[in-house]
């Protein structure tokens, strides 16, 4: 006769499932160990290099899968690309300002006024880019500080 109570013979009994799962994990561990010892993991792509741990802390949880897909395809989320554009525009304006300040002393009043208007136009366009970026990026991704227009304008001619 069977000495076990009827519910312990049942395959769905929690104790029976726990033992089966434990045995399966042990079997899997053994198979992995044998494969490793046989050299089946040698010469895999990336062997000997650290795993890439991409920092996705600024990407909201619900967008991380899409972010990874874009990144693997060579693209970035729109707010990341917008940030790159803003950084590039800031660098371009900084170069323009350096050149304008070198020419400043040789310019007459009309030439200086033309540079002021051009600089103001560039700064205003950059400010619009920054505002648009800040309005469209996810809340967990940090916003860019806007320009202090008057402070920036004082950099010209000085």
N, C-alpha and C. Protein backbone atom coordinates (compact mmCIF):
# COMPACT_ATOMS: atom_id res chain seq x y z
N UNK A 1 0.82 -1.18 0.00
CA UNK A 1 0.00 0.00 0.00
C UNK A 1 0.86 1.24 0.00
N UNK A 2 0.25 2.33 -0.37
CA UNK A 2 0.96 3.61 -0.40
C UNK A 2 0.85 4.27 0.95
N UNK A 3 2.02 4.57 1.57
CA UNK A 3 2.01 5.11 2.92
C UNK A 3 1.84 6.62 2.96
N UNK A 4 1.97 7.32 1.82
CA UNK A 4 1.83 8.78 1.80
C UNK A 4 0.36 9.16 1.78
N UNK A 5 0.03 10.26 2.47
CA UNK A 5 -1.35 10.75 2.37
C UNK A 5 -1.65 11.12 0.92
N UNK A 6 -2.91 11.09 0.52
CA UNK A 6 -3.28 11.32 -0.88
C UNK A 6 -2.78 12.65 -1.44
N UNK A 7 -2.79 13.76 -0.64
CA UNK A 7 -2.39 15.04 -1.23
C UNK A 7 -0.89 15.13 -1.46
N UNK A 8 -0.05 14.36 -0.80
CA UNK A 8 1.39 14.43 -1.04
C UNK A 8 1.79 13.65 -2.29
N UNK A 9 0.94 12.70 -2.74
CA UNK A 9 1.21 11.98 -3.99
C UNK A 9 0.88 12.84 -5.19
N UNK A 10 0.04 13.82 -5.00
CA UNK A 10 -0.40 14.70 -6.09
C UNK A 10 0.79 15.51 -6.62
N UNK A 11 0.97 15.54 -7.94
CA UNK A 11 2.09 16.27 -8.57
C UNK A 11 2.03 17.77 -8.30
N UNK A 12 0.85 18.29 -8.03
CA UNK A 12 0.72 19.74 -7.83
C UNK A 12 0.95 20.14 -6.38
N UNK A 13 1.25 19.19 -5.53
CA UNK A 13 1.51 19.50 -4.12
C UNK A 13 2.74 20.41 -4.03
N UNK A 14 2.71 21.49 -3.21
CA UNK A 14 3.83 22.45 -3.14
C UNK A 14 5.17 21.81 -2.82
N UNK A 15 5.19 20.83 -1.93
CA UNK A 15 6.45 20.17 -1.59
C UNK A 15 7.01 19.42 -2.80
N UNK A 16 6.15 18.73 -3.53
CA UNK A 16 6.57 17.98 -4.72
C UNK A 16 7.13 18.94 -5.77
N UNK A 17 6.44 20.10 -5.98
CA UNK A 17 6.92 21.08 -6.96
C UNK A 17 8.26 21.66 -6.55
N UNK A 18 8.45 21.94 -5.27
CA UNK A 18 9.71 22.52 -4.79
C UNK A 18 10.86 21.55 -5.02
N UNK A 19 10.63 20.28 -4.75
CA UNK A 19 11.68 19.29 -4.97
C UNK A 19 12.01 19.17 -6.45
N UNK A 20 11.01 19.16 -7.29
CA UNK A 20 11.24 19.06 -8.73
C UNK A 20 12.01 20.25 -9.25
N UNK A 21 11.66 21.44 -8.78
CA UNK A 21 12.35 22.65 -9.21
C UNK A 21 13.80 22.61 -8.75
N UNK A 22 14.02 22.19 -7.53
CA UNK A 22 15.38 22.09 -7.00
C UNK A 22 16.21 21.11 -7.82
N UNK A 23 15.61 19.96 -8.15
CA UNK A 23 16.31 18.96 -8.97
C UNK A 23 16.64 19.52 -10.35
N UNK A 24 15.70 20.25 -10.93
CA UNK A 24 15.93 20.84 -12.25
C UNK A 24 17.07 21.85 -12.20
N UNK A 25 17.10 22.67 -11.15
CA UNK A 25 18.18 23.65 -11.02
C UNK A 25 19.52 22.95 -10.86
N UNK A 26 19.53 21.87 -10.10
CA UNK A 26 20.77 21.12 -9.93
C UNK A 26 21.21 20.53 -11.26
N UNK A 27 20.28 19.99 -12.03
CA UNK A 27 20.60 19.43 -13.34
C UNK A 27 21.14 20.51 -14.27
N UNK A 28 20.50 21.66 -14.28
CA UNK A 28 20.95 22.77 -15.12
C UNK A 28 22.35 23.21 -14.72
N UNK A 29 22.58 23.33 -13.41
CA UNK A 29 23.92 23.70 -12.93
C UNK A 29 24.97 22.70 -13.41
N UNK A 30 24.64 21.41 -13.34
CA UNK A 30 25.58 20.37 -13.77
C UNK A 30 25.86 20.48 -15.27
N UNK A 31 24.80 20.71 -16.06
CA UNK A 31 24.98 20.82 -17.51
C UNK A 31 25.85 22.03 -17.86
N UNK A 32 25.63 23.14 -17.18
CA UNK A 32 26.44 24.33 -17.43
C UNK A 32 27.89 24.08 -17.05
N UNK A 33 28.10 23.46 -15.91
CA UNK A 33 29.47 23.16 -15.46
C UNK A 33 30.18 22.25 -16.45
N UNK A 34 29.49 21.20 -16.92
CA UNK A 34 30.10 20.29 -17.91
C UNK A 34 30.44 21.03 -19.20
N UNK A 35 29.53 21.86 -19.67
CA UNK A 35 29.78 22.61 -20.91
C UNK A 35 30.97 23.54 -20.73
N UNK A 36 31.06 24.18 -19.58
CA UNK A 36 32.18 25.09 -19.30
C UNK A 36 33.50 24.32 -19.28
N UNK A 37 33.50 23.18 -18.60
CA UNK A 37 34.71 22.36 -18.52
C UNK A 37 35.12 21.82 -19.88
N UNK A 38 34.15 21.57 -20.74
CA UNK A 38 34.43 21.06 -22.09
C UNK A 38 34.86 22.18 -23.04
N UNK A 39 34.86 23.41 -22.55
CA UNK A 39 35.31 24.53 -23.37
C UNK A 39 34.27 25.07 -24.33
N UNK A 40 33.01 24.73 -24.10
CA UNK A 40 31.97 25.18 -25.01
C UNK A 40 31.66 26.67 -24.89
N UNK A 41 32.17 27.32 -23.85
CA UNK A 41 31.96 28.75 -23.70
C UNK A 41 33.18 29.56 -24.14
N UNK A 42 34.24 28.85 -24.56
CA UNK A 42 35.44 29.55 -25.03
C UNK A 42 35.17 30.15 -26.41
N UNK A 43 35.87 31.21 -26.71
CA UNK A 43 35.79 31.87 -28.02
C UNK A 43 34.41 32.42 -28.36
N UNK A 44 33.62 32.71 -27.37
CA UNK A 44 32.35 33.39 -27.62
C UNK A 44 32.62 34.87 -27.86
N UNK A 45 31.77 35.55 -28.63
CA UNK A 45 31.97 36.99 -28.82
C UNK A 45 31.98 37.71 -27.47
N UNK A 46 32.97 38.55 -27.28
CA UNK A 46 33.06 39.32 -26.05
C UNK A 46 33.82 38.63 -24.94
N UNK A 47 34.35 37.43 -25.19
CA UNK A 47 35.09 36.71 -24.16
C UNK A 47 36.26 37.55 -23.68
N UNK A 48 36.39 37.65 -22.37
CA UNK A 48 37.50 38.40 -21.78
C UNK A 48 37.26 39.88 -21.64
N UNK A 49 36.14 40.36 -22.13
CA UNK A 49 35.82 41.79 -22.00
C UNK A 49 34.70 41.96 -20.98
N UNK A 50 34.72 43.08 -20.26
CA UNK A 50 33.64 43.29 -19.29
C UNK A 50 32.30 43.48 -19.99
N UNK A 51 31.26 43.13 -19.30
CA UNK A 51 29.92 43.35 -19.83
C UNK A 51 29.65 44.84 -19.92
N UNK A 52 28.93 45.23 -20.95
CA UNK A 52 28.58 46.65 -21.10
C UNK A 52 27.39 46.94 -20.20
N UNK A 53 27.58 47.86 -19.29
CA UNK A 53 26.51 48.29 -18.40
C UNK A 53 26.14 49.71 -18.77
N UNK A 54 25.17 49.83 -19.67
CA UNK A 54 24.75 51.15 -20.11
C UNK A 54 23.95 51.81 -19.01
N UNK A 55 24.27 53.06 -18.78
CA UNK A 55 23.54 53.82 -17.77
C UNK A 55 22.23 54.29 -18.37
N UNK A 56 21.15 53.72 -17.91
CA UNK A 56 19.83 54.09 -18.39
C UNK A 56 19.03 54.76 -17.28
N UNK A 57 19.73 55.33 -16.32
CA UNK A 57 19.04 55.92 -15.18
C UNK A 57 18.16 57.10 -15.56
N UNK A 58 18.48 57.78 -16.66
CA UNK A 58 17.66 58.92 -17.08
C UNK A 58 16.50 58.50 -17.97
N UNK A 59 16.44 57.23 -18.32
CA UNK A 59 15.36 56.74 -19.18
C UNK A 59 14.27 56.14 -18.30
N UNK A 60 13.04 56.63 -18.43
CA UNK A 60 11.95 56.07 -17.62
C UNK A 60 11.80 54.56 -17.88
N UNK A 61 11.41 53.83 -16.84
CA UNK A 61 11.30 52.37 -16.94
C UNK A 61 10.48 51.92 -18.13
N UNK A 62 9.36 52.60 -18.39
CA UNK A 62 8.47 52.16 -19.46
C UNK A 62 9.04 52.45 -20.85
N UNK A 63 10.13 53.21 -20.95
CA UNK A 63 10.73 53.52 -22.25
C UNK A 63 12.07 52.82 -22.47
N UNK A 64 12.54 52.04 -21.50
CA UNK A 64 13.88 51.46 -21.61
C UNK A 64 14.01 50.46 -22.75
N UNK A 65 13.00 49.65 -22.98
CA UNK A 65 13.08 48.68 -24.08
C UNK A 65 13.18 49.41 -25.42
N UNK A 66 12.36 50.43 -25.59
CA UNK A 66 12.42 51.21 -26.83
C UNK A 66 13.75 51.92 -26.96
N UNK A 67 14.27 52.43 -25.84
CA UNK A 67 15.56 53.12 -25.83
C UNK A 67 16.66 52.17 -26.31
N UNK A 68 16.66 50.94 -25.80
CA UNK A 68 17.69 49.96 -26.19
C UNK A 68 17.58 49.62 -27.67
N UNK A 69 16.34 49.48 -28.17
CA UNK A 69 16.16 49.17 -29.59
C UNK A 69 16.69 50.30 -30.46
N UNK A 70 16.37 51.53 -30.10
CA UNK A 70 16.88 52.68 -30.85
C UNK A 70 18.40 52.71 -30.81
N UNK A 71 18.96 52.51 -29.63
CA UNK A 71 20.41 52.57 -29.45
C UNK A 71 21.09 51.49 -30.28
N UNK A 72 20.55 50.28 -30.26
CA UNK A 72 21.14 49.19 -31.03
C UNK A 72 21.05 49.43 -32.53
N UNK A 73 20.08 50.23 -32.95
CA UNK A 73 19.94 50.57 -34.37
C UNK A 73 20.72 51.83 -34.73
N UNK A 74 21.44 52.39 -33.76
CA UNK A 74 22.26 53.57 -34.05
C UNK A 74 21.52 54.88 -33.86
N UNK A 75 20.38 54.84 -33.22
CA UNK A 75 19.60 56.05 -32.98
C UNK A 75 19.52 56.31 -31.48
N UNK A 76 18.98 57.46 -31.16
CA UNK A 76 18.77 57.81 -29.76
C UNK A 76 17.36 58.37 -29.62
N UNK A 77 16.81 58.37 -28.41
CA UNK A 77 15.50 58.98 -28.22
C UNK A 77 15.53 60.44 -28.65
N UNK A 78 14.41 60.98 -29.04
CA UNK A 78 14.37 62.36 -29.53
C UNK A 78 14.99 63.37 -28.57
N UNK A 79 14.76 63.20 -27.26
CA UNK A 79 15.31 64.18 -26.32
C UNK A 79 16.83 64.10 -26.23
N UNK A 80 17.40 62.92 -26.46
CA UNK A 80 18.86 62.78 -26.45
C UNK A 80 19.44 63.44 -27.69
N UNK A 81 18.81 63.21 -28.84
CA UNK A 81 19.27 63.85 -30.07
C UNK A 81 19.11 65.37 -29.98
N UNK A 82 18.01 65.83 -29.38
CA UNK A 82 17.81 67.28 -29.21
C UNK A 82 18.89 67.85 -28.31
N UNK A 83 19.26 67.12 -27.27
CA UNK A 83 20.32 67.58 -26.37
C UNK A 83 21.64 67.72 -27.11
N UNK A 84 21.94 66.76 -27.98
CA UNK A 84 23.16 66.84 -28.79
C UNK A 84 23.13 68.07 -29.69
N UNK A 85 21.97 68.32 -30.30
CA UNK A 85 21.83 69.49 -31.17
C UNK A 85 22.05 70.78 -30.39
N UNK A 86 21.50 70.83 -29.19
CA UNK A 86 21.65 72.02 -28.34
C UNK A 86 23.12 72.21 -27.96
N UNK A 87 23.78 71.14 -27.58
CA UNK A 87 25.20 71.23 -27.22
C UNK A 87 26.03 71.69 -28.42
N UNK A 88 25.72 71.17 -29.60
CA UNK A 88 26.45 71.57 -30.81
C UNK A 88 26.20 73.04 -31.13
N UNK A 89 24.97 73.48 -30.95
CA UNK A 89 24.65 74.89 -31.22
C UNK A 89 25.35 75.80 -30.22
N UNK A 90 25.40 75.40 -28.97
CA UNK A 90 26.13 76.19 -27.97
C UNK A 90 27.60 76.33 -28.35
N UNK A 91 28.19 75.24 -28.81
CA UNK A 91 29.61 75.27 -29.22
C UNK A 91 29.78 76.18 -30.43
N UNK A 92 28.86 76.10 -31.38
CA UNK A 92 28.93 76.96 -32.56
C UNK A 92 28.82 78.43 -32.18
N UNK A 93 27.90 78.75 -31.29
CA UNK A 93 27.72 80.14 -30.84
C UNK A 93 28.95 80.61 -30.07
N UNK A 94 29.54 79.74 -29.27
CA UNK A 94 30.76 80.12 -28.52
C UNK A 94 31.89 80.47 -29.49
N UNK A 95 32.02 79.69 -30.55
CA UNK A 95 33.03 79.99 -31.58
C UNK A 95 32.73 81.30 -32.29
N UNK A 96 31.46 81.51 -32.61
CA UNK A 96 31.05 82.77 -33.25
C UNK A 96 31.37 83.95 -32.34
N UNK A 97 31.07 83.82 -31.05
CA UNK A 97 31.30 84.90 -30.09
C UNK A 97 32.79 85.22 -29.99
N UNK A 98 33.62 84.22 -29.96
CA UNK A 98 35.07 84.43 -29.91
C UNK A 98 35.54 85.23 -31.12
N UNK A 99 35.07 84.83 -32.29
CA UNK A 99 35.42 85.54 -33.53
C UNK A 99 34.88 86.97 -33.52
N UNK A 100 33.63 87.13 -33.10
CA UNK A 100 33.01 88.46 -33.07
C UNK A 100 33.75 89.39 -32.12
N UNK A 101 34.15 88.88 -30.97
CA UNK A 101 34.88 89.72 -30.00
C UNK A 101 36.26 90.11 -30.52
N UNK A 102 36.87 89.26 -31.33
CA UNK A 102 38.16 89.62 -31.92
C UNK A 102 38.01 90.72 -32.96
N UNK A 103 36.88 90.75 -33.65
CA UNK A 103 36.63 91.79 -34.67
C UNK A 103 36.04 93.07 -34.08
N UNK A 104 35.53 93.01 -32.87
CA UNK A 104 34.75 94.09 -32.26
C UNK A 104 35.45 95.45 -32.33
N UNK A 105 36.72 95.51 -31.95
CA UNK A 105 37.44 96.78 -31.87
C UNK A 105 37.58 97.44 -33.24
N UNK A 106 37.58 96.68 -34.31
CA UNK A 106 37.75 97.24 -35.66
C UNK A 106 36.44 97.67 -36.30
N UNK A 107 35.32 97.40 -35.64
CA UNK A 107 34.01 97.70 -36.24
C UNK A 107 33.52 99.08 -35.85
N UNK A 108 32.77 99.69 -36.77
CA UNK A 108 32.09 100.95 -36.45
C UNK A 108 30.78 100.64 -35.74
N UNK A 109 30.03 101.64 -35.39
CA UNK A 109 28.77 101.48 -34.63
C UNK A 109 27.77 100.60 -35.38
N UNK A 110 27.66 100.79 -36.70
CA UNK A 110 26.71 99.99 -37.49
C UNK A 110 27.13 98.51 -37.50
N UNK A 111 28.42 98.25 -37.62
CA UNK A 111 28.92 96.87 -37.61
C UNK A 111 28.68 96.20 -36.26
N UNK A 112 28.88 96.95 -35.20
CA UNK A 112 28.64 96.41 -33.86
C UNK A 112 27.16 96.12 -33.64
N UNK A 113 26.32 97.02 -34.12
CA UNK A 113 24.88 96.80 -33.98
C UNK A 113 24.44 95.57 -34.76
N UNK A 114 25.01 95.36 -35.94
CA UNK A 114 24.70 94.19 -36.74
C UNK A 114 25.09 92.90 -35.98
N UNK A 115 26.27 92.92 -35.35
CA UNK A 115 26.69 91.76 -34.55
C UNK A 115 25.76 91.52 -33.36
N UNK A 116 25.34 92.62 -32.71
CA UNK A 116 24.41 92.48 -31.57
C UNK A 116 23.11 91.81 -32.01
N UNK A 117 22.56 92.26 -33.14
CA UNK A 117 21.30 91.68 -33.64
C UNK A 117 21.49 90.20 -34.01
N UNK A 118 22.61 89.91 -34.66
CA UNK A 118 22.90 88.52 -35.06
C UNK A 118 23.04 87.63 -33.82
N UNK A 119 23.76 88.12 -32.83
CA UNK A 119 23.96 87.36 -31.60
C UNK A 119 22.62 87.16 -30.87
N UNK A 120 21.83 88.21 -30.80
CA UNK A 120 20.51 88.13 -30.16
C UNK A 120 19.64 87.10 -30.88
N UNK A 121 19.67 87.09 -32.20
CA UNK A 121 18.88 86.14 -32.98
C UNK A 121 19.32 84.70 -32.69
N UNK A 122 20.64 84.48 -32.65
CA UNK A 122 21.16 83.13 -32.35
C UNK A 122 20.76 82.68 -30.95
N UNK A 123 20.89 83.59 -29.98
CA UNK A 123 20.56 83.23 -28.60
C UNK A 123 19.07 82.94 -28.44
N UNK A 124 18.24 83.72 -29.11
CA UNK A 124 16.79 83.52 -29.05
C UNK A 124 16.42 82.16 -29.65
N UNK A 125 17.04 81.81 -30.77
CA UNK A 125 16.77 80.51 -31.39
C UNK A 125 17.23 79.37 -30.47
N UNK A 126 18.38 79.54 -29.84
CA UNK A 126 18.88 78.52 -28.91
C UNK A 126 17.94 78.39 -27.72
N UNK A 127 17.47 79.52 -27.22
CA UNK A 127 16.54 79.48 -26.08
C UNK A 127 15.26 78.72 -26.46
N UNK A 128 14.77 78.93 -27.68
CA UNK A 128 13.59 78.19 -28.15
C UNK A 128 13.87 76.69 -28.20
N UNK A 129 15.06 76.32 -28.67
CA UNK A 129 15.44 74.90 -28.70
C UNK A 129 15.43 74.31 -27.30
N UNK A 130 15.99 75.05 -26.35
CA UNK A 130 16.07 74.56 -24.97
C UNK A 130 14.68 74.39 -24.38
N UNK A 131 13.82 75.37 -24.59
CA UNK A 131 12.45 75.29 -24.06
C UNK A 131 11.71 74.12 -24.68
N UNK A 132 11.82 73.95 -25.99
CA UNK A 132 11.17 72.84 -26.67
C UNK A 132 11.68 71.50 -26.14
N UNK A 133 12.98 71.41 -25.96
CA UNK A 133 13.59 70.20 -25.40
C UNK A 133 13.02 69.90 -24.02
N UNK A 134 13.00 70.91 -23.16
CA UNK A 134 12.53 70.71 -21.78
C UNK A 134 11.06 70.32 -21.72
N UNK A 135 10.27 70.79 -22.68
CA UNK A 135 8.85 70.46 -22.69
C UNK A 135 8.57 69.05 -23.21
N UNK A 136 9.50 68.49 -23.97
CA UNK A 136 9.23 67.20 -24.58
C UNK A 136 9.96 66.03 -23.92
N UNK A 137 10.89 66.31 -23.03
CA UNK A 137 11.64 65.19 -22.46
C UNK A 137 10.89 64.58 -21.29
N UNK A 138 11.13 63.29 -21.01
CA UNK A 138 10.45 62.63 -19.89
C UNK A 138 10.82 63.29 -18.57
N UNK A 139 9.92 63.24 -17.60
CA UNK A 139 10.17 63.91 -16.31
C UNK A 139 11.44 63.44 -15.61
N UNK A 140 11.82 62.19 -15.78
CA UNK A 140 12.99 61.69 -15.06
C UNK A 140 14.31 62.10 -15.71
N UNK A 141 14.27 62.60 -16.94
CA UNK A 141 15.49 63.06 -17.61
C UNK A 141 15.67 64.54 -17.29
N UNK A 142 16.85 64.93 -16.88
CA UNK A 142 17.09 66.29 -16.41
C UNK A 142 16.91 67.36 -17.47
N UNK A 143 16.28 68.44 -17.07
CA UNK A 143 16.09 69.57 -17.97
C UNK A 143 17.37 70.38 -18.10
N UNK A 144 17.45 71.15 -19.18
CA UNK A 144 18.58 72.04 -19.41
C UNK A 144 18.19 73.42 -18.91
N UNK A 145 19.09 74.06 -18.20
CA UNK A 145 18.83 75.43 -17.76
C UNK A 145 18.72 76.34 -18.98
N UNK A 146 17.74 77.22 -18.94
CA UNK A 146 17.58 78.19 -20.02
C UNK A 146 18.67 79.24 -19.98
N UNK A 147 18.73 80.02 -21.04
CA UNK A 147 19.73 81.09 -21.13
C UNK A 147 19.28 82.30 -20.33
N UNK A 148 20.23 83.02 -19.80
CA UNK A 148 19.96 84.34 -19.22
C UNK A 148 20.38 85.32 -20.31
N UNK A 149 19.40 85.74 -21.08
CA UNK A 149 19.66 86.48 -22.31
C UNK A 149 20.50 87.73 -22.08
N UNK A 150 20.14 88.54 -21.10
CA UNK A 150 20.89 89.78 -20.85
C UNK A 150 22.33 89.48 -20.47
N UNK A 151 22.52 88.47 -19.66
CA UNK A 151 23.87 88.08 -19.25
C UNK A 151 24.68 87.60 -20.45
N UNK A 152 24.06 86.83 -21.32
CA UNK A 152 24.75 86.34 -22.52
C UNK A 152 25.08 87.49 -23.46
N UNK A 153 24.15 88.43 -23.61
CA UNK A 153 24.39 89.56 -24.52
C UNK A 153 25.56 90.43 -24.06
N UNK A 154 25.78 90.49 -22.75
CA UNK A 154 26.90 91.29 -22.23
C UNK A 154 28.26 90.69 -22.59
N UNK A 155 28.29 89.44 -23.00
CA UNK A 155 29.55 88.80 -23.38
C UNK A 155 30.08 89.31 -24.72
N UNK A 156 29.22 89.91 -25.51
CA UNK A 156 29.64 90.44 -26.81
C UNK A 156 30.27 91.81 -26.64
N UNK A 157 31.44 91.97 -27.20
CA UNK A 157 32.11 93.28 -27.16
C UNK A 157 32.99 93.47 -25.96
N UNK A 158 33.08 92.50 -25.12
CA UNK A 158 33.84 92.67 -23.90
C UNK A 158 35.15 92.06 -23.92
